[in-house]
Amino acid sequence: MDPQLALMPEVQARRLLGDRCLRTHVVRPFGAWVGVGKLRVIDVRAVESGLELLAGYERYDRVDAT
């Protein structure tokens, strides 16, 4: 992964990656959680069809299901 992309906001990373074919995966905890803050880049990998971007939120808060 390009070290410049690490923890960069996902929107900004997509702009830098340009028109490349990109598949985005968002990390989320199991259960009732909501992502809080910016969606940030965790990893970028070259794959046969283009690039895979792994992203996660800055924080996750549990949602009470009451």
PDB file of N, CA and C in Angstrom:
ATOM      1  N   MET A   1       0.836  -1.181   0.000  1.00  0.00           N
ATOM      2  CA  MET A   1       0.000   0.000   0.000  1.00  0.00           C
ATOM      3  C   MET A   1       0.878   1.241   0.000  1.00  0.00           C
ATOM      4  N   ASP A   2       0.447   2.239  -0.708  1.00  0.00           N
ATOM      5  CA  ASP A   2       1.130   3.528  -0.728  1.00  0.00           C
ATOM      6  C   ASP A   2       0.986   4.154   0.656  1.00  0.00           C
ATOM      7  N   PRO A   3       2.093   4.436   1.352  1.00  0.00           N
ATOM      8  CA  PRO A   3       2.000   4.997   2.712  1.00  0.00           C
ATOM      9  C   PRO A   3       1.248   6.324   2.766  1.00  0.00           C
ATOM     10  N   GLN A   4       1.193   7.063   1.658  1.00  0.00           N
ATOM     11  CA  GLN A   4       0.482   8.338   1.640  1.00  0.00           C
ATOM     12  C   GLN A   4      -1.023   8.139   1.763  1.00  0.00           C
ATOM     13  N   LEU A   5      -1.522   6.966   1.402  1.00  0.00           N
ATOM     14  CA  LEU A   5      -2.957   6.699   1.474  1.00  0.00           C
ATOM     15  C   LEU A   5      -3.406   6.241   2.858  1.00  0.00           C
ATOM     16  N   ALA A   6      -2.470   5.776   3.689  1.00  0.00           N
ATOM     17  CA  ALA A   6      -2.823   5.253   5.007  1.00  0.00           C
ATOM     18  C   ALA A   6      -3.539   6.310   5.847  1.00  0.00           C
ATOM     19  N   LEU A   7      -4.708   5.973   6.311  1.00  0.00           N
ATOM     20  CA  LEU A   7      -5.571   6.790   7.166  1.00  0.00           C
ATOM     21  C   LEU A   7      -6.087   8.062   6.495  1.00  0.00           C
ATOM     22  N   MET A   8      -5.913   8.146   5.182  1.00  0.00           N
ATOM     23  CA  MET A   8      -6.456   9.272   4.431  1.00  0.00           C
ATOM     24  C   MET A   8      -7.976   9.110   4.350  1.00  0.00           C
ATOM     25  N   PRO A   9      -8.734  10.210   4.393  1.00  0.00           N
ATOM     26  CA  PRO A   9     -10.178  10.080   4.186  1.00  0.00           C
ATOM     27  C   PRO A   9     -10.466   9.377   2.854  1.00  0.00           C
ATOM     28  N   GLU A  10     -11.438   8.492   2.867  1.00  0.00           N
ATOM     29  CA  GLU A  10     -11.750   7.661   1.696  1.00  0.00           C
ATOM     30  C   GLU A  10     -12.087   8.495   0.463  1.00  0.00           C
ATOM     31  N   VAL A  11     -12.806   9.581   0.634  1.00  0.00           N
ATOM     32  CA  VAL A  11     -13.182  10.443  -0.494  1.00  0.00           C
ATOM     33  C   VAL A  11     -11.935  11.021  -1.153  1.00  0.00           C
ATOM     34  N   GLN A  12     -11.002  11.472  -0.352  1.00  0.00           N
ATOM     35  CA  GLN A  12      -9.762  12.051  -0.872  1.00  0.00           C
ATOM     36  C   GLN A  12      -8.926  10.987  -1.586  1.00  0.00           C
ATOM     37  N   ALA A  13      -8.871   9.775  -1.035  1.00  0.00           N
ATOM     38  CA  ALA A  13      -8.125   8.687  -1.666  1.00  0.00           C
ATOM     39  C   ALA A  13      -8.716   8.338  -3.027  1.00  0.00           C
ATOM     40  N   ARG A  14     -10.054   8.284  -3.122  1.00  0.00           N
ATOM     41  CA  ARG A  14     -10.696   7.997  -4.407  1.00  0.00           C
ATOM     42  C   ARG A  14     -10.346   9.056  -5.442  1.00  0.00           C
ATOM     43  N   ARG A  15     -10.294  10.295  -5.029  1.00  0.00           N
ATOM     44  CA  ARG A  15      -9.915  11.369  -5.959  1.00  0.00           C
ATOM     45  C   ARG A  15      -8.484  11.163  -6.465  1.00  0.00           C
ATOM     46  N   LEU A  16      -7.575  10.817  -5.566  1.00  0.00           N
ATOM     47  CA  LEU A  16      -6.180  10.599  -5.954  1.00  0.00           C
ATOM     48  C   LEU A  16      -6.015   9.384  -6.866  1.00  0.00           C
ATOM     49  N   LEU A  17      -6.840   8.361  -6.655  1.00  0.00           N
ATOM     50  CA  LEU A  17      -6.730   7.135  -7.458  1.00  0.00           C
ATOM     51  C   LEU A  17      -7.334   7.310  -8.846  1.00  0.00           C
ATOM     52  N   GLY A  18      -8.054   8.383  -9.050  1.00  0.00           N
ATOM     53  CA  GLY A  18      -8.550   8.725 -10.381  1.00  0.00           C
ATOM     54  C   GLY A  18      -9.616   7.782 -10.910  1.00  0.00           C
ATOM     55  N   ASP A  19      -9.538   7.496 -12.200  1.00  0.00           N
ATOM     56  CA  ASP A  19     -10.560   6.703 -12.895  1.00  0.00           C
ATOM     57  C   ASP A  19     -10.314   5.194 -12.855  1.00  0.00           C
ATOM     58  N   ARG A  20      -9.447   4.751 -11.988  1.00  0.00           N
ATOM     59  CA  ARG A  20      -9.174   3.306 -11.894  1.00  0.00           C
ATOM     60  C   ARG A  20     -10.412   2.561 -11.405  1.00  0.00           C
ATOM     61  N   CYS A  21     -10.537   1.325 -11.846  1.00  0.00           N
ATOM     62  CA  CYS A  21     -11.624   0.473 -11.376  1.00  0.00           C
ATOM     63  C   CYS A  21     -11.363   0.181  -9.893  1.00  0.00           C
ATOM     64  N   LEU A  22     -12.303   0.542  -9.040  1.00  0.00           N
ATOM     65  CA  LEU A  22     -12.092   0.476  -7.599  1.00  0.00           C
ATOM     66  C   LEU A  22     -13.261  -0.224  -6.922  1.00  0.00           C
ATOM     67  N   ARG A  23     -12.941  -1.188  -6.071  1.00  0.00           N
ATOM     68  CA  ARG A  23     -13.947  -1.868  -5.244  1.00  0.00           C
ATOM     69  C   ARG A  23     -13.656  -1.493  -3.791  1.00  0.00           C
ATOM     70  N   THR A  24     -14.675  -0.996  -3.092  1.00  0.00           N
ATOM     71  CA  THR A  24     -14.498  -0.537  -1.719  1.00  0.00           C
ATOM     72  C   THR A  24     -15.193  -1.483  -0.745  1.00  0.00           C
ATOM     73  N   HIS A  25     -14.478  -1.846   0.314  1.00  0.00           N
ATOM     74  CA  HIS A  25     -15.024  -2.663   1.405  1.00  0.00           C
ATOM     75  C   HIS A  25     -14.927  -1.830   2.684  1.00  0.00           C
ATOM     76  N   VAL A  26     -15.998  -1.820   3.463  1.00  0.00           N
ATOM     77  CA  VAL A  26     -16.011  -1.070   4.719  1.00  0.00           C
ATOM     78  C   VAL A  26     -16.025  -2.051   5.882  1.00  0.00           C
ATOM     79  N   VAL A  27     -15.063  -1.897   6.776  1.00  0.00           N
ATOM     80  CA  VAL A  27     -14.959  -2.734   7.978  1.00  0.00           C
ATOM     81  C   VAL A  27     -16.043  -2.295   8.952  1.00  0.00           C
ATOM     82  N   ARG A  28     -16.705  -3.275   9.549  1.00  0.00           N
ATOM     83  CA  ARG A  28     -17.708  -2.954  10.567  1.00  0.00           C
ATOM     84  C   ARG A  28     -17.732  -4.062  11.601  1.00  0.00           C
ATOM     85  N   PRO A  29     -17.945  -3.707  12.848  1.00  0.00           N
ATOM     86  CA  PRO A  29     -18.035  -4.724  13.892  1.00  0.00           C
ATOM     87  C   PRO A  29     -19.349  -5.493  13.777  1.00  0.00           C
ATOM     88  N   PHE A  30     -19.356  -6.700  14.303  1.00  0.00           N
ATOM     89  CA  PHE A  30     -20.558  -7.522  14.321  1.00  0.00           C
ATOM     90  C   PHE A  30     -21.529  -6.947  15.343  1.00  0.00           C
ATOM     91  N   GLY A  31     -22.786  -6.870  14.992  1.00  0.00           N
ATOM     92  CA  GLY A  31     -23.808  -6.393  15.920  1.00  0.00           C
ATOM     93  C   GLY A  31     -24.316  -5.022  15.542  1.00  0.00           C
ATOM     94  N   ALA A  32     -24.928  -4.364  16.507  1.00  0.00           N
ATOM     95  CA  ALA A  32     -25.564  -3.067  16.277  1.00  0.00           C
ATOM     96  C   ALA A  32     -24.594  -1.933  16.605  1.00  0.00           C
ATOM     97  N   TRP A  33     -23.892  -1.463  15.585  1.00  0.00           N
ATOM     98  CA  TRP A  33     -22.925  -0.383  15.736  1.00  0.00           C
ATOM     99  C   TRP A  33     -23.149   0.636  14.630  1.00  0.00           C
ATOM    100  N   VAL A  34     -22.756   1.862  14.883  1.00  0.00           N
ATOM    101  CA  VAL A  34     -22.816   2.906  13.861  1.00  0.00           C
ATOM    102  C   VAL A  34     -21.424   3.540  13.755  1.00  0.00           C
ATOM    103  N   GLY A  35     -20.979   3.747  12.506  1.00  0.00           N
ATOM    104  CA  GLY A  35     -19.693   4.384  12.283  1.00  0.00           C
ATOM    105  C   GLY A  35     -19.780   5.872  12.550  1.00  0.00           C
ATOM    106  N   VAL A  36     -18.761   6.403  13.220  1.00  0.00           N
ATOM    107  CA  VAL A  36     -18.728   7.814  13.590  1.00  0.00           C
ATOM    108  C   VAL A  36     -17.425   8.417  13.074  1.00  0.00           C
ATOM    109  N   GLY A  37     -17.508   9.616  12.543  1.00  0.00           N
ATOM    110  CA  GLY A  37     -16.315  10.297  12.045  1.00  0.00           C
ATOM    111  C   GLY A  37     -16.112  10.018  10.573  1.00  0.00           C
ATOM    112  N   LYS A  38     -14.904  10.270  10.117  1.00  0.00           N
ATOM    113  CA  LYS A  38     -14.588  10.095   8.702  1.00  0.00           C
ATOM    114  C   LYS A  38     -14.322   8.629   8.380  1.00  0.00           C
ATOM    115  N   LEU A  39     -14.672   8.249   7.172  1.00  0.00           N
ATOM    116  CA  LEU A  39     -14.334   6.934   6.642  1.00  0.00           C
ATOM    117  C   LEU A  39     -12.906   7.043   6.125  1.00  0.00           C
ATOM    118  N   ARG A  40     -11.991   6.233   6.672  1.00  0.00           N
ATOM    119  CA  ARG A  40     -10.565   6.357   6.342  1.00  0.00           C
ATOM    120  C   ARG A  40     -10.013   5.076   5.718  1.00  0.00           C
ATOM    121  N   VAL A  41      -8.997   5.239   4.904  1.00  0.00           N
ATOM    122  CA  VAL A  41      -8.348   4.129   4.215  1.00  0.00           C
ATOM    123  C   VAL A  41      -7.526   3.310   5.206  1.00  0.00           C
ATOM    124  N   ILE A  42      -7.709   1.994   5.167  1.00  0.00           N
ATOM    125  CA  ILE A  42      -6.914   1.071   5.972  1.00  0.00           C
ATOM    126  C   ILE A  42      -5.909   0.350   5.079  1.00  0.00           C
ATOM    127  N   ASP A  43      -6.352  -0.051   3.889  1.00  0.00           N
ATOM    128  CA  ASP A  43      -5.474  -0.800   2.985  1.00  0.00           C
ATOM    129  C   ASP A  43      -5.940  -0.628   1.546  1.00  0.00           C
ATOM    130  N   VAL A  44      -4.996  -0.682   0.619  1.00  0.00           N
ATOM    131  CA  VAL A  44      -5.289  -0.680  -0.813  1.00  0.00           C
ATOM    132  C   VAL A  44      -4.495  -1.816  -1.430  1.00  0.00           C
ATOM    133  N   ARG A  45      -5.173  -2.646  -2.221  1.00  0.00           N
ATOM    134  CA  ARG A  45      -4.520  -3.803  -2.852  1.00  0.00           C
ATOM    135  C   ARG A  45      -4.816  -3.816  -4.340  1.00  0.00           C
ATOM    136  N   ALA A  46      -3.813  -4.202  -5.109  1.00  0.00           N
ATOM    137  CA  ALA A  46      -4.019  -4.406  -6.541  1.00  0.00           C
ATOM    138  C   ALA A  46      -4.655  -5.778  -6.725  1.00  0.00           C
ATOM    139  N   VAL A  47      -5.722  -5.834  -7.497  1.00  0.00           N
ATOM    140  CA  VAL A  47      -6.390  -7.089  -7.835  1.00  0.00           C
ATOM    141  C   VAL A  47      -6.535  -7.139  -9.349  1.00  0.00           C
ATOM    142  N   GLU A  48      -6.931  -8.292  -9.845  1.00  0.00           N
ATOM    143  CA  GLU A  48      -7.039  -8.500 -11.290  1.00  0.00           C
ATOM    144  C   GLU A  48      -7.913  -7.449 -11.974  1.00  0.00           C
ATOM    145  N   SER A  49      -8.999  -7.062 -11.343  1.00  0.00           N
ATOM    146  CA  SER A  49      -9.945  -6.134 -11.963  1.00  0.00           C
ATOM    147  C   SER A  49      -9.629  -4.663 -11.682  1.00  0.00           C
ATOM    148  N   GLY A  50      -8.608  -4.361 -10.904  1.00  0.00           N
ATOM    149  CA  GLY A  50      -8.266  -2.976 -10.572  1.00  0.00           C
ATOM    150  C   GLY A  50      -7.676  -2.865  -9.184  1.00  0.00           C
ATOM    151  N   LEU A  51      -8.351  -2.135  -8.304  1.00  0.00           N
ATOM    152  CA  LEU A  51      -7.882  -1.947  -6.936  1.00  0.00           C
ATOM    153  C   LEU A  51      -8.994  -2.249  -5.939  1.00  0.00           C
ATOM    154  N   GLU A  52      -8.619  -2.772  -4.783  1.00  0.00           N
ATOM    155  CA  GLU A  52      -9.549  -2.949  -3.667  1.00  0.00           C
ATOM    156  C   GLU A  52      -9.133  -2.012  -2.552  1.00  0.00           C
ATOM    157  N   LEU A  53     -10.076  -1.255  -2.073  1.00  0.00           N
ATOM    158  CA  LEU A  53      -9.816  -0.305  -1.005  1.00  0.00           C
ATOM    159  C   LEU A  53     -10.559  -0.789   0.241  1.00  0.00           C
ATOM    160  N   LEU A  54      -9.849  -0.936   1.339  1.00  0.00           N
ATOM    161  CA  LEU A  54     -10.437  -1.323   2.616  1.00  0.00           C
ATOM    162  C   LEU A  54     -10.486  -0.071   3.482  1.00  0.00           C
ATOM    163  N   ALA A  55     -11.664   0.236   4.023  1.00  0.00           N
ATOM    164  CA  ALA A  55     -11.836   1.459   4.804  1.00  0.00           C
ATOM    165  C   ALA A  55     -12.590   1.176   6.095  1.00  0.00           C
ATOM    166  N   GLY A  56     -12.409   2.035   7.049  1.00  0.00           N
ATOM    167  CA  GLY A  56     -13.117   1.934   8.317  1.00  0.00           C
ATOM    168  C   GLY A  56     -13.334   3.310   8.904  1.00  0.00           C
ATOM    169  N   TYR A  57     -14.338   3.426   9.752  1.00  0.00           N
ATOM    170  CA  TYR A  57     -14.628   4.705  10.388  1.00  0.00           C
ATOM    171  C   TYR A  57     -13.644   4.969  11.525  1.00  0.00           C
ATOM    172  N   GLU A  58     -13.550   6.216  11.917  1.00  0.00           N
ATOM    173  CA  GLU A  58     -12.640   6.602  12.993  1.00  0.00           C
ATOM    174  C   GLU A  58     -13.035   5.965  14.320  1.00  0.00           C
ATOM    175  N   ARG A  59     -14.344   5.756  14.494  1.00  0.00           N
ATOM    176  CA  ARG A  59     -14.850   5.183  15.748  1.00  0.00           C
ATOM    177  C   ARG A  59     -16.185   4.512  15.456  1.00  0.00           C
ATOM    178  N   TYR A  60     -16.541   3.559  16.280  1.00  0.00           N
ATOM    179  CA  TYR A  60     -17.841   2.892  16.173  1.00  0.00           C
ATOM    180  C   TYR A  60     -18.530   2.983  17.519  1.00  0.00           C
ATOM    181  N   ASP A  61     -19.792   3.404  17.524  1.00  0.00           N
ATOM    182  CA  ASP A  61     -20.589   3.477  18.745  1.00  0.00           C
ATOM    183  C   ASP A  61     -21.677   2.413  18.710  1.00  0.00           C
ATOM    184  N   ARG A  62     -21.875   1.756  19.850  1.00  0.00           N
ATOM    185  CA  ARG A  62     -22.919   0.741  19.951  1.00  0.00           C
ATOM    186  C   ARG A  62     -24.286   1.398  19.930  1.00  0.00           C
ATOM    187  N   VAL A  63     -25.200   0.771  19.210  1.00  0.00           N
ATOM    188  CA  VAL A  63     -26.578   1.243  19.143  1.00  0.00           C
ATOM    189  C   VAL A  63     -27.414   0.402  20.090  1.00  0.00           C
ATOM    190  N   ASP A  64     -28.126   1.070  21.006  1.00  0.00           N
ATOM    191  CA  ASP A  64     -29.002   0.343  21.929  1.00  0.00           C
ATOM    192  C   ASP A  64     -30.289  -0.015  21.211  1.00  0.00           C
ATOM    193  N   ALA A  65     -30.623  -1.282  21.197  1.00  0.00           N
ATOM    194  CA  ALA A  65     -31.844  -1.761  20.525  1.00  0.00           C
ATOM    195  C   ALA A  65     -32.934  -1.972  21.573  1.00  0.00           C
ATOM    196  N   THR A  66     -33.364  -0.879  22.216  1.00  0.00           N
ATOM    197  CA  THR A  66     -34.403  -1.005  23.246  1.00  0.00           C
ATOM    198  C   THR A  66     -35.714  -0.455  22.771  1.00  0.00           C
TER     199      THR A  66
END
